[in-house]
Amino acid sequence: MFKSFVYHAFMTDVQKVDLLKALADPTRLKLVRSLVACSSHQKSCGDLSAKVSLSQPAMSHHFGKLVSAGVVLETKHSTKKSYSLNTKLLTEIGIDINKL
């Protein structure tokens, strides 16, 4: 399930609230910080699960919220997924990823 989003200039207030809600959750913020700490800002779900002690369904739930809000982009490789930080969107709405 992928919910499309548009960048800051065209985001509705509801989309902005969804993005901020996604970042407001401590677990999701920890996942985003893990992506920030990675030089490529991209990691597989397995790599990230080592950073936080969450079950696979819980990881899917949190990444679903982050992807829906546009904070994180999802790439599928066969049966595996990797996630990358949507730095363009975060920068456009005024979030400095180095301060997360």
PDB file of N, CA and C in Angstrom:
ATOM      1  N   MET A   1       0.845  -1.171   0.000  1.00  0.00           N
ATOM      2  CA  MET A   1       0.000   0.000   0.000  1.00  0.00           C
ATOM      3  C   MET A   1       0.892   1.235   0.000  1.00  0.00           C
ATOM      4  N   PHE A   2       0.791   2.032  -1.042  1.00  0.00           N
ATOM      5  CA  PHE A   2       1.591   3.244  -1.150  1.00  0.00           C
ATOM      6  C   PHE A   2       0.666   4.420  -1.377  1.00  0.00           C
ATOM      7  N   LYS A   3       0.743   5.352  -0.505  1.00  0.00           N
ATOM      8  CA  LYS A   3      -0.044   6.569  -0.622  1.00  0.00           C
ATOM      9  C   LYS A   3       0.852   7.638  -1.223  1.00  0.00           C
ATOM     10  N   SER A   4       0.441   8.184  -2.344  1.00  0.00           N
ATOM     11  CA  SER A   4       1.284   9.194  -2.978  1.00  0.00           C
ATOM     12  C   SER A   4       1.171  10.511  -2.204  1.00  0.00           C
ATOM     13  N   PHE A   5       2.143  11.329  -2.369  1.00  0.00           N
ATOM     14  CA  PHE A   5       2.178  12.618  -1.698  1.00  0.00           C
ATOM     15  C   PHE A   5       2.812  13.607  -2.648  1.00  0.00           C
ATOM     16  N   VAL A   6       2.650  14.854  -2.341  1.00  0.00           N
ATOM     17  CA  VAL A   6       3.266  15.905  -3.145  1.00  0.00           C
ATOM     18  C   VAL A   6       4.172  16.725  -2.239  1.00  0.00           C
ATOM     19  N   TYR A   7       5.053  17.460  -2.848  1.00  0.00           N
ATOM     20  CA  TYR A   7       5.998  18.240  -2.068  1.00  0.00           C
ATOM     21  C   TYR A   7       5.344  19.448  -1.417  1.00  0.00           C
ATOM     22  N   HIS A   8       6.070  20.062  -0.532  1.00  0.00           N
ATOM     23  CA  HIS A   8       5.603  21.108   0.369  1.00  0.00           C
ATOM     24  C   HIS A   8       4.675  22.135  -0.274  1.00  0.00           C
ATOM     25  N   ALA A   9       5.039  22.677  -1.395  1.00  0.00           N
ATOM     26  CA  ALA A   9       4.248  23.751  -1.997  1.00  0.00           C
ATOM     27  C   ALA A   9       2.825  23.296  -2.324  1.00  0.00           C
ATOM     28  N   PHE A  10       2.646  22.006  -2.526  1.00  0.00           N
ATOM     29  CA  PHE A  10       1.332  21.506  -2.918  1.00  0.00           C
ATOM     30  C   PHE A  10       0.716  20.591  -1.862  1.00  0.00           C
ATOM     31  N   MET A  11       1.347  20.482  -0.707  1.00  0.00           N
ATOM     32  CA  MET A  11       0.822  19.620   0.348  1.00  0.00           C
ATOM     33  C   MET A  11      -0.390  20.276   1.003  1.00  0.00           C
ATOM     34  N   THR A  12      -1.401  19.450   1.271  1.00  0.00           N
ATOM     35  CA  THR A  12      -2.552  19.954   2.017  1.00  0.00           C
ATOM     36  C   THR A  12      -2.193  19.983   3.495  1.00  0.00           C
ATOM     37  N   ASP A  13      -3.006  20.644   4.265  1.00  0.00           N
ATOM     38  CA  ASP A  13      -2.776  20.677   5.709  1.00  0.00           C
ATOM     39  C   ASP A  13      -2.852  19.271   6.293  1.00  0.00           C
ATOM     40  N   VAL A  14      -3.737  18.448   5.778  1.00  0.00           N
ATOM     41  CA  VAL A  14      -3.873  17.071   6.265  1.00  0.00           C
ATOM     42  C   VAL A  14      -2.588  16.286   5.991  1.00  0.00           C
ATOM     43  N   GLN A  15      -1.998  16.455   4.820  1.00  0.00           N
ATOM     44  CA  GLN A  15      -0.749  15.768   4.497  1.00  0.00           C
ATOM     45  C   GLN A  15       0.386  16.241   5.406  1.00  0.00           C
ATOM     46  N   LYS A  16       0.423  17.528   5.699  1.00  0.00           N
ATOM     47  CA  LYS A  16       1.452  18.057   6.601  1.00  0.00           C
ATOM     48  C   LYS A  16       1.281  17.479   8.005  1.00  0.00           C
ATOM     49  N   VAL A  17       0.044  17.402   8.464  1.00  0.00           N
ATOM     50  CA  VAL A  17      -0.225  16.833   9.791  1.00  0.00           C
ATOM     51  C   VAL A  17       0.170  15.361   9.819  1.00  0.00           C
ATOM     52  N   ASP A  18      -0.142  14.604   8.767  1.00  0.00           N
ATOM     53  CA  ASP A  18       0.243  13.189   8.694  1.00  0.00           C
ATOM     54  C   ASP A  18       1.756  13.030   8.765  1.00  0.00           C
ATOM     55  N   LEU A  19       2.479  13.889   8.073  1.00  0.00           N
ATOM     56  CA  LEU A  19       3.936  13.823   8.094  1.00  0.00           C
ATOM     57  C   LEU A  19       4.470  14.104   9.500  1.00  0.00           C
ATOM     58  N   LEU A  20       3.955  15.127  10.140  1.00  0.00           N
ATOM     59  CA  LEU A  20       4.420  15.468  11.485  1.00  0.00           C
ATOM     60  C   LEU A  20       4.024  14.398  12.498  1.00  0.00           C
ATOM     61  N   LYS A  21       2.841  13.800  12.329  1.00  0.00           N
ATOM     62  CA  LYS A  21       2.424  12.704  13.208  1.00  0.00           C
ATOM     63  C   LYS A  21       3.353  11.501  13.053  1.00  0.00           C
ATOM     64  N   ALA A  22       3.751  11.225  11.825  1.00  0.00           N
ATOM     65  CA  ALA A  22       4.650  10.097  11.578  1.00  0.00           C
ATOM     66  C   ALA A  22       5.976  10.303  12.294  1.00  0.00           C
ATOM     67  N   LEU A  23       6.467  11.519  12.301  1.00  0.00           N
ATOM     68  CA  LEU A  23       7.732  11.824  12.968  1.00  0.00           C
ATOM     69  C   LEU A  23       7.588  11.959  14.487  1.00  0.00           C
ATOM     70  N   ALA A  24       6.370  12.175  14.972  1.00  0.00           N
ATOM     71  CA  ALA A  24       6.156  12.386  16.400  1.00  0.00           C
ATOM     72  C   ALA A  24       6.239  11.098  17.222  1.00  0.00           C
ATOM     73  N   ASP A  25       6.104   9.952  16.588  1.00  0.00           N
ATOM     74  CA  ASP A  25       6.163   8.682  17.306  1.00  0.00           C
ATOM     75  C   ASP A  25       7.623   8.353  17.644  1.00  0.00           C
ATOM     76  N   PRO A  26       7.928   8.039  18.912  1.00  0.00           N
ATOM     77  CA  PRO A  26       9.322   7.771  19.301  1.00  0.00           C
ATOM     78  C   PRO A  26       9.983   6.625  18.524  1.00  0.00           C
ATOM     79  N   THR A  27       9.240   5.571  18.249  1.00  0.00           N
ATOM     80  CA  THR A  27       9.814   4.440  17.512  1.00  0.00           C
ATOM     81  C   THR A  27      10.134   4.831  16.080  1.00  0.00           C
ATOM     82  N   ARG A  28       9.207   5.542  15.438  1.00  0.00           N
ATOM     83  CA  ARG A  28       9.445   5.966  14.057  1.00  0.00           C
ATOM     84  C   ARG A  28      10.578   6.982  13.993  1.00  0.00           C
ATOM     85  N   LEU A  29      10.660   7.853  14.977  1.00  0.00           N
ATOM     86  CA  LEU A  29      11.755   8.821  15.009  1.00  0.00           C
ATOM     87  C   LEU A  29      13.093   8.095  15.148  1.00  0.00           C
ATOM     88  N   LYS A  30      13.123   7.033  15.936  1.00  0.00           N
ATOM     89  CA  LYS A  30      14.350   6.240  16.091  1.00  0.00           C
ATOM     90  C   LYS A  30      14.725   5.583  14.762  1.00  0.00           C
ATOM     91  N   LEU A  31      13.747   5.088  14.022  1.00  0.00           N
ATOM     92  CA  LEU A  31      14.017   4.493  12.708  1.00  0.00           C
ATOM     93  C   LEU A  31      14.551   5.546  11.737  1.00  0.00           C
ATOM     94  N   VAL A  32      13.962   6.726  11.755  1.00  0.00           N
ATOM     95  CA  VAL A  32      14.420   7.813  10.880  1.00  0.00           C
ATOM     96  C   VAL A  32      15.841   8.218  11.259  1.00  0.00           C
ATOM     97  N   ARG A  33      16.119   8.305  12.549  1.00  0.00           N
ATOM     98  CA  ARG A  33      17.473   8.648  12.991  1.00  0.00           C
ATOM     99  C   ARG A  33      18.484   7.590  12.541  1.00  0.00           C
ATOM    100  N   SER A  34      18.067   6.338  12.518  1.00  0.00           N
ATOM    101  CA  SER A  34      18.952   5.275  12.036  1.00  0.00           C
ATOM    102  C   SER A  34      19.276   5.470  10.563  1.00  0.00           C
ATOM    103  N   LEU A  35      18.292   5.932   9.791  1.00  0.00           N
ATOM    104  CA  LEU A  35      18.533   6.216   8.378  1.00  0.00           C
ATOM    105  C   LEU A  35      19.435   7.442   8.210  1.00  0.00           C
ATOM    106  N   VAL A  36      19.249   8.441   9.054  1.00  0.00           N
ATOM    107  CA  VAL A  36      20.084   9.643   8.995  1.00  0.00           C
ATOM    108  C   VAL A  36      21.536   9.286   9.275  1.00  0.00           C
ATOM    109  N   ALA A  37      21.746   8.390  10.233  1.00  0.00           N
ATOM    110  CA  ALA A  37      23.109   8.010  10.633  1.00  0.00           C
ATOM    111  C   ALA A  37      23.845   7.239   9.550  1.00  0.00           C
ATOM    112  N   CYS A  38      23.112   6.612   8.644  1.00  0.00           N
ATOM    113  CA  CYS A  38      23.713   5.860   7.544  1.00  0.00           C
ATOM    114  C   CYS A  38      24.132   6.849   6.454  1.00  0.00           C
ATOM    115  N   SER A  39      25.335   6.719   5.953  1.00  0.00           N
ATOM    116  CA  SER A  39      25.854   7.686   4.970  1.00  0.00           C
ATOM    117  C   SER A  39      25.001   7.764   3.704  1.00  0.00           C
ATOM    118  N   SER A  40      24.425   6.661   3.272  1.00  0.00           N
ATOM    119  CA  SER A  40      23.606   6.671   2.062  1.00  0.00           C
ATOM    120  C   SER A  40      22.145   6.996   2.366  1.00  0.00           C
ATOM    121  N   HIS A  41      21.804   7.107   3.652  1.00  0.00           N
ATOM    122  CA  HIS A  41      20.422   7.319   4.097  1.00  0.00           C
ATOM    123  C   HIS A  41      19.506   6.220   3.586  1.00  0.00           C
ATOM    124  N   GLN A  42      20.061   5.014   3.375  1.00  0.00           N
ATOM    125  CA  GLN A  42      19.270   3.882   2.890  1.00  0.00           C
ATOM    126  C   GLN A  42      19.728   2.611   3.602  1.00  0.00           C
ATOM    127  N   LYS A  43      18.750   1.813   4.053  1.00  0.00           N
ATOM    128  CA  LYS A  43      19.051   0.554   4.715  1.00  0.00           C
ATOM    129  C   LYS A  43      17.937  -0.443   4.438  1.00  0.00           C
ATOM    130  N   SER A  44      18.279  -1.710   4.594  1.00  0.00           N
ATOM    131  CA  SER A  44      17.253  -2.740   4.467  1.00  0.00           C
ATOM    132  C   SER A  44      16.499  -2.853   5.781  1.00  0.00           C
ATOM    133  N   CYS A  45      15.353  -3.470   5.712  1.00  0.00           N
ATOM    134  CA  CYS A  45      14.543  -3.658   6.911  1.00  0.00           C
ATOM    135  C   CYS A  45      15.307  -4.491   7.939  1.00  0.00           C
ATOM    136  N   GLY A  46      16.031  -5.497   7.476  1.00  0.00           N
ATOM    137  CA  GLY A  46      16.820  -6.346   8.368  1.00  0.00           C
ATOM    138  C   GLY A  46      17.887  -5.564   9.105  1.00  0.00           C
ATOM    139  N   ASP A  47      18.569  -4.662   8.397  1.00  0.00           N
ATOM    140  CA  ASP A  47      19.592  -3.826   9.027  1.00  0.00           C
ATOM    141  C   ASP A  47      18.982  -2.938  10.108  1.00  0.00           C
ATOM    142  N   LEU A  48      17.814  -2.400   9.804  1.00  0.00           N
ATOM    143  CA  LEU A  48      17.171  -1.500  10.753  1.00  0.00           C
ATOM    144  C   LEU A  48      16.587  -2.246  11.944  1.00  0.00           C
ATOM    145  N   SER A  49      16.145  -3.475  11.732  1.00  0.00           N
ATOM    146  CA  SER A  49      15.565  -4.228  12.851  1.00  0.00           C
ATOM    147  C   SER A  49      16.612  -4.551  13.901  1.00  0.00           C
ATOM    148  N   ALA A  50      17.900  -4.574  13.494  1.00  0.00           N
ATOM    149  CA  ALA A  50      18.974  -4.793  14.458  1.00  0.00           C
ATOM    150  C   ALA A  50      19.129  -3.589  15.396  1.00  0.00           C
ATOM    151  N   LYS A  51      18.724  -2.410  14.932  1.00  0.00           N
ATOM    152  CA  LYS A  51      18.836  -1.186  15.733  1.00  0.00           C
ATOM    153  C   LYS A  51      17.720  -1.055  16.771  1.00  0.00           C
ATOM    154  N   VAL A  52      16.559  -1.576  16.433  1.00  0.00           N
ATOM    155  CA  VAL A  52      15.408  -1.506  17.337  1.00  0.00           C
ATOM    156  C   VAL A  52      14.867  -2.915  17.536  1.00  0.00           C
ATOM    157  N   SER A  53      14.419  -3.192  18.705  1.00  0.00           N
ATOM    158  CA  SER A  53      13.909  -4.540  18.959  1.00  0.00           C
ATOM    159  C   SER A  53      12.401  -4.568  18.721  1.00  0.00           C
ATOM    160  N   LEU A  54      12.045  -4.753  17.445  1.00  0.00           N
ATOM    161  CA  LEU A  54      10.644  -4.816  17.051  1.00  0.00           C
ATOM    162  C   LEU A  54      10.390  -6.082  16.251  1.00  0.00           C
ATOM    163  N   SER A  55       9.190  -6.568  16.362  1.00  0.00           N
ATOM    164  CA  SER A  55       8.810  -7.720  15.547  1.00  0.00           C
ATOM    165  C   SER A  55       8.641  -7.267  14.097  1.00  0.00           C
ATOM    166  N   GLN A  56       8.605  -8.219  13.186  1.00  0.00           N
ATOM    167  CA  GLN A  56       8.446  -7.891  11.770  1.00  0.00           C
ATOM    168  C   GLN A  56       7.120  -7.165  11.522  1.00  0.00           C
ATOM    169  N   PRO A  57       6.000  -7.617  12.111  1.00  0.00           N
ATOM    170  CA  PRO A  57       4.752  -6.869  11.902  1.00  0.00           C
ATOM    171  C   PRO A  57       4.812  -5.428  12.429  1.00  0.00           C
ATOM    172  N   ALA A  58       5.494  -5.237  13.551  1.00  0.00           N
ATOM    173  CA  ALA A  58       5.624  -3.883  14.101  1.00  0.00           C
ATOM    174  C   ALA A  58       6.476  -3.005  13.180  1.00  0.00           C
ATOM    175  N   MET A  59       7.552  -3.583  12.635  1.00  0.00           N
ATOM    176  CA  MET A  59       8.395  -2.835  11.686  1.00  0.00           C
ATOM    177  C   MET A  59       7.565  -2.434  10.461  1.00  0.00           C
ATOM    178  N   SER A  60       6.792  -3.380   9.953  1.00  0.00           N
ATOM    179  CA  SER A  60       5.952  -3.095   8.781  1.00  0.00           C
ATOM    180  C   SER A  60       4.962  -1.976   9.075  1.00  0.00           C
ATOM    181  N   HIS A  61       4.374  -2.012  10.250  1.00  0.00           N
ATOM    182  CA  HIS A  61       3.413  -0.978  10.646  1.00  0.00           C
ATOM    183  C   HIS A  61       4.080   0.401  10.654  1.00  0.00           C
ATOM    184  N   HIS A  62       5.221   0.499  11.320  1.00  0.00           N
ATOM    185  CA  HIS A  62       5.890   1.793  11.436  1.00  0.00           C
ATOM    186  C   HIS A  62       6.405   2.287  10.086  1.00  0.00           C
ATOM    187  N   PHE A  63       6.967   1.391   9.284  1.00  0.00           N
ATOM    188  CA  PHE A  63       7.432   1.822   7.960  1.00  0.00           C
ATOM    189  C   PHE A  63       6.260   2.178   7.057  1.00  0.00           C
ATOM    190  N   GLY A  64       5.138   1.504   7.225  1.00  0.00           N
ATOM    191  CA  GLY A  64       3.943   1.860   6.461  1.00  0.00           C
ATOM    192  C   GLY A  64       3.526   3.296   6.724  1.00  0.00           C
ATOM    193  N   LYS A  65       3.565   3.696   7.987  1.00  0.00           N
ATOM    194  CA  LYS A  65       3.217   5.077   8.359  1.00  0.00           C
ATOM    195  C   LYS A  65       4.224   6.073   7.784  1.00  0.00           C
ATOM    196  N   LEU A  66       5.519   5.732   7.861  1.00  0.00           N
ATOM    197  CA  LEU A  66       6.553   6.632   7.340  1.00  0.00           C
ATOM    198  C   LEU A  66       6.483   6.761   5.825  1.00  0.00           C
ATOM    199  N   VAL A  67       6.219   5.653   5.145  1.00  0.00           N
ATOM    200  CA  VAL A  67       6.108   5.678   3.679  1.00  0.00           C
ATOM    201  C   VAL A  67       4.854   6.449   3.277  1.00  0.00           C
ATOM    202  N   SER A  68       3.739   6.203   3.959  1.00  0.00           N
ATOM    203  CA  SER A  68       2.484   6.903   3.661  1.00  0.00           C
ATOM    204  C   SER A  68       2.634   8.412   3.796  1.00  0.00           C
ATOM    205  N   ALA A  69       3.374   8.826   4.802  1.00  0.00           N
ATOM    206  CA  ALA A  69       3.565  10.257   5.052  1.00  0.00           C
ATOM    207  C   ALA A  69       4.592  10.873   4.116  1.00  0.00           C
ATOM    208  N   GLY A  70       5.374  10.030   3.417  1.00  0.00           N
ATOM    209  CA  GLY A  70       6.377  10.543   2.490  1.00  0.00           C
ATOM    210  C   GLY A  70       7.740  10.779   3.126  1.00  0.00           C
ATOM    211  N   VAL A  71       7.878  10.463   4.398  1.00  0.00           N
ATOM    212  CA  VAL A  71       9.145  10.665   5.100  1.00  0.00           C
ATOM    213  C   VAL A  71      10.206   9.700   4.571  1.00  0.00           C
ATOM    214  N   VAL A  72       9.771   8.495   4.259  1.00  0.00           N
ATOM    215  CA  VAL A  72      10.661   7.424   3.817  1.00  0.00           C
ATOM    216  C   VAL A  72      10.160   6.885   2.476  1.00  0.00           C
ATOM    217  N   LEU A  73      11.091   6.553   1.611  1.00  0.00           N
ATOM    218  CA  LEU A  73      10.773   5.934   0.328  1.00  0.00           C
ATOM    219  C   LEU A  73      11.118   4.451   0.409  1.00  0.00           C
ATOM    220  N   GLU A  74      10.276   3.625  -0.169  1.00  0.00           N
ATOM    221  CA  GLU A  74      10.452   2.172  -0.126  1.00  0.00           C
ATOM    222  C   GLU A  74      10.854   1.662  -1.503  1.00  0.00           C
ATOM    223  N   THR A  75      11.872   0.796  -1.527  1.00  0.00           N
ATOM    224  CA  THR A  75      12.312   0.166  -2.764  1.00  0.00           C
ATOM    225  C   THR A  75      12.253  -1.336  -2.568  1.00  0.00           C
ATOM    226  N   LYS A  76      11.640  -2.039  -3.520  1.00  0.00           N
ATOM    227  CA  LYS A  76      11.537  -3.492  -3.427  1.00  0.00           C
ATOM    228  C   LYS A  76      12.601  -4.135  -4.301  1.00  0.00           C
ATOM    229  N   HIS A  77      13.293  -5.105  -3.732  1.00  0.00           N
ATOM    230  CA  HIS A  77      14.300  -5.890  -4.434  1.00  0.00           C
ATOM    231  C   HIS A  77      13.906  -7.347  -4.276  1.00  0.00           C
ATOM    232  N   SER A  78      13.239  -7.895  -5.272  1.00  0.00           N
ATOM    233  CA  SER A  78      12.760  -9.267  -5.206  1.00  0.00           C
ATOM    234  C   SER A  78      11.824  -9.406  -4.005  1.00  0.00           C
ATOM    235  N   THR A  79      12.237 -10.137  -2.983  1.00  0.00           N
ATOM    236  CA  THR A  79      11.379 -10.323  -1.806  1.00  0.00           C
ATOM    237  C   THR A  79      11.777  -9.422  -0.649  1.00  0.00           C
ATOM    238  N   LYS A  80      12.804  -8.609  -0.831  1.00  0.00           N
ATOM    239  CA  LYS A  80      13.281  -7.738   0.252  1.00  0.00           C
ATOM    240  C   LYS A  80      12.964  -6.286  -0.058  1.00  0.00           C
ATOM    241  N   LYS A  81      12.872  -5.516   0.984  1.00  0.00           N
ATOM    242  CA  LYS A  81      12.612  -4.088   0.839  1.00  0.00           C
ATOM    243  C   LYS A  81      13.744  -3.305   1.492  1.00  0.00           C
ATOM    244  N   SER A  82      14.032  -2.165   0.905  1.00  0.00           N
ATOM    245  CA  SER A  82      14.966  -1.246   1.549  1.00  0.00           C
ATOM    246  C   SER A  82      14.269   0.106   1.648  1.00  0.00           C
ATOM    247  N   TYR A  83      14.716   0.874   2.593  1.00  0.00           N
ATOM    248  CA  TYR A  83      14.087   2.159   2.875  1.00  0.00           C
ATOM    249  C   TYR A  83      15.129   3.257   2.816  1.00  0.00           C
ATOM    250  N   SER A  84      14.736   4.373   2.242  1.00  0.00           N
ATOM    251  CA  SER A  84      15.636   5.522   2.179  1.00  0.00           C
ATOM    252  C   SER A  84      14.885   6.762   2.651  1.00  0.00           C
ATOM    253  N   LEU A  85      15.627   7.658   3.218  1.00  0.00           N
ATOM    254  CA  LEU A  85      15.067   8.889   3.733  1.00  0.00           C
ATOM    255  C   LEU A  85      14.727   9.819   2.571  1.00  0.00           C
ATOM    256  N   ASN A  86      13.564  10.399   2.608  1.00  0.00           N
ATOM    257  CA  ASN A  86      13.145  11.344   1.577  1.00  0.00           C
ATOM    258  C   ASN A  86      13.666  12.733   1.963  1.00  0.00           C
ATOM    259  N   THR A  87      14.965  12.907   1.765  1.00  0.00           N
ATOM    260  CA  THR A  87      15.612  14.151   2.193  1.00  0.00           C
ATOM    261  C   THR A  87      15.056  15.370   1.466  1.00  0.00           C
ATOM    262  N   LYS A  88      14.658  15.192   0.215  1.00  0.00           N
ATOM    263  CA  LYS A  88      14.124  16.322  -0.553  1.00  0.00           C
ATOM    264  C   LYS A  88      12.858  16.877   0.106  1.00  0.00           C
ATOM    265  N   LEU A  89      11.937  16.004   0.456  1.00  0.00           N
ATOM    266  CA  LEU A  89      10.697  16.454   1.088  1.00  0.00           C
ATOM    267  C   LEU A  89      10.980  17.082   2.448  1.00  0.00           C
ATOM    268  N   LEU A  90      11.795  16.425   3.256  1.00  0.00           N
ATOM    269  CA  LEU A  90      12.081  16.942   4.588  1.00  0.00           C
ATOM    270  C   LEU A  90      12.757  18.312   4.516  1.00  0.00           C
ATOM    271  N   THR A  91      13.676  18.477   3.582  1.00  0.00           N
ATOM    272  CA  THR A  91      14.346  19.767   3.410  1.00  0.00           C
ATOM    273  C   THR A  91      13.353  20.834   2.954  1.00  0.00           C
ATOM    274  N   GLU A  92      12.475  20.463   2.016  1.00  0.00           N
ATOM    275  CA  GLU A  92      11.509  21.436   1.491  1.00  0.00           C
ATOM    276  C   GLU A  92      10.522  21.917   2.535  1.00  0.00           C
ATOM    277  N   ILE A  93      10.209  21.087   3.531  1.00  0.00           N
ATOM    278  CA  ILE A  93       9.279  21.558   4.556  1.00  0.00           C
ATOM    279  C   ILE A  93      10.004  22.162   5.757  1.00  0.00           C
ATOM    280  N   GLY A  94      11.339  22.239   5.652  1.00  0.00           N
ATOM    281  CA  GLY A  94      12.109  22.945   6.666  1.00  0.00           C
ATOM    282  C   GLY A  94      12.665  22.087   7.786  1.00  0.00           C
ATOM    283  N   ILE A  95      12.725  20.779   7.590  1.00  0.00           N
ATOM    284  CA  ILE A  95      13.300  19.900   8.610  1.00  0.00           C
ATOM    285  C   ILE A  95      14.748  19.631   8.281  1.00  0.00           C
ATOM    286  N   ASP A  96      15.639  19.975   9.196  1.00  0.00           N
ATOM    287  CA  ASP A  96      17.060  19.707   9.038  1.00  0.00           C
ATOM    288  C   ASP A  96      17.316  18.301   9.578  1.00  0.00           C
ATOM    289  N   ILE A  97      17.606  17.349   8.686  1.00  0.00           N
ATOM    290  CA  ILE A  97      17.756  15.957   9.119  1.00  0.00           C
ATOM    291  C   ILE A  97      18.917  15.773  10.082  1.00  0.00           C
ATOM    292  N   ASN A  98      19.878  16.673  10.066  1.00  0.00           N
ATOM    293  CA  ASN A  98      21.014  16.567  10.971  1.00  0.00           C
ATOM    294  C   ASN A  98      20.646  16.944  12.415  1.00  0.00           C
ATOM    295  N   LYS A  99      19.457  17.505  12.591  1.00  0.00           N
ATOM    296  CA  LYS A  99      19.008  17.891  13.929  1.00  0.00           C
ATOM    297  C   LYS A  99      17.926  16.968  14.461  1.00  0.00           C
ATOM    298  N   LEU A 100      17.632  15.911  13.753  1.00  0.00           N
ATOM    299  CA  LEU A 100      16.586  14.976  14.225  1.00  0.00           C
ATOM    300  C   LEU A 100      17.096  14.155  15.386  1.00  0.00           C
TER     301      LEU A 100
END
